Amino acid sequence: MTLKICSFNCRGIKGSVCKLAASVDILCLQETWLLPNELSILNAIIPDLSSSGVSAVKLSDGLLCGRPYGCIAILWQKSLG
């Protein structure tokens, strides 16, 4: 079995990785720009993928100015377990 793995600096995940994720088994993402309360978006992007992510934004710091930054995520085909 060949395992296809891709790493991608997506500079915002919303709408930018669907085609890429469909062509690999494991997708590592950097700079998804997700807030902590938006991490559930990772599970909704493609139904065949499981995911885990961590946001770099701390909402407890008060007012968020500008766009969110950072965040890493890993998405994998559910068939991999």
Protein backbone atom coordinates (compact mmCIF):
# COMPACT_ATOMS: atom_id res chain seq x y z
CA MET A 1 0.00 0.00 0.00
CA THR A 2 1.30 3.45 -0.91
CA LEU A 3 0.63 6.22 1.59
CA LYS A 4 0.27 9.74 0.16
CA ILE A 5 1.21 12.54 2.58
CA CYS A 6 1.14 16.26 1.88
CA SER A 7 2.18 19.31 3.91
CA PHE A 8 0.58 22.62 2.97
CA ASN A 9 0.85 26.21 4.22
CA CYS A 10 -2.70 27.18 3.40
CA ARG A 11 -2.88 30.76 4.73
CA GLY A 12 -6.49 30.25 5.74
CA ILE A 13 -8.28 26.94 5.53
CA LYS A 14 -11.79 28.02 4.66
CA GLY A 15 -12.40 26.76 1.14
CA SER A 16 -8.76 26.25 0.20
CA VAL A 17 -7.98 22.57 0.76
CA CYS A 18 -10.91 20.43 -0.40
CA LYS A 19 -9.37 19.26 -3.69
CA LEU A 20 -5.96 18.70 -2.11
CA ALA A 21 -7.37 16.69 0.79
CA ALA A 22 -9.29 14.42 -1.58
CA SER A 23 -6.05 13.36 -3.30
CA VAL A 24 -3.98 12.35 -0.23
CA ASP A 25 -4.17 10.00 2.74
CA ILE A 26 -2.68 12.38 5.31
CA LEU A 27 -2.72 16.17 5.04
CA CYS A 28 -0.63 18.35 7.39
CA LEU A 29 -1.68 21.99 7.41
CA GLN A 30 0.03 25.10 8.71
CA GLU A 31 -1.40 28.62 9.00
CA THR A 32 -5.06 27.63 8.93
CA TRP A 33 -5.88 30.88 10.75
CA LEU A 34 -8.59 29.20 12.80
CA LEU A 35 -9.71 30.48 16.17
CA PRO A 36 -10.07 27.93 19.00
CA ASN A 37 -13.86 27.93 18.60
CA GLU A 38 -13.50 27.27 14.83
CA LEU A 39 -11.45 24.04 15.09
CA SER A 40 -14.62 22.00 14.52
CA ILE A 41 -14.49 23.24 10.89
CA LEU A 42 -11.69 20.72 10.35
CA ASN A 43 -14.10 17.80 10.80
CA ALA A 44 -16.67 19.36 8.46
CA ILE A 45 -14.38 20.10 5.48
CA ILE A 46 -14.46 16.62 3.97
CA PRO A 47 -16.67 13.89 5.47
CA ASP A 48 -14.15 11.10 4.70
CA LEU A 49 -11.44 12.71 6.84
CA SER A 50 -10.75 12.75 10.56
CA SER A 51 -8.80 15.66 11.97
CA SER A 52 -7.01 17.22 14.88
CA GLY A 53 -5.84 20.81 15.19
CA VAL A 54 -4.45 23.39 17.58
CA SER A 55 -5.02 27.14 17.36
CA ALA A 56 -2.26 29.61 18.17
CA VAL A 57 -4.77 32.33 19.06
CA LYS A 58 -5.55 32.95 22.73
CA LEU A 59 -9.02 34.44 23.03
CA SER A 60 -8.41 35.09 26.72
CA ASP A 61 -5.96 37.87 25.79
CA GLY A 62 -8.91 40.17 25.11
CA LEU A 63 -9.77 41.94 21.88
CA LEU A 64 -8.59 40.19 18.70
CA CYS A 65 -7.13 42.70 16.26
CA GLY A 66 -6.49 41.77 12.63
CA ARG A 67 -6.81 38.25 11.30
CA PRO A 68 -6.11 35.13 13.32
CA TYR A 69 -2.67 33.65 12.81
CA GLY A 70 -1.02 30.28 13.13
CA CYS A 71 -2.77 26.98 13.86
CA ILE A 72 -1.67 23.57 12.72
CA ALA A 73 -3.86 20.65 11.75
CA ILE A 74 -3.60 17.08 10.59
CA LEU A 75 -6.33 15.47 8.51
CA TRP A 76 -6.33 11.78 7.61
CA GLN A 77 -8.55 9.35 5.76
CA LYS A 78 -10.93 7.65 8.16
CA SER A 79 -10.06 4.34 6.52
CA LEU A 80 -6.58 4.63 8.12
CA GLY A 81 -8.14 4.34 11.58
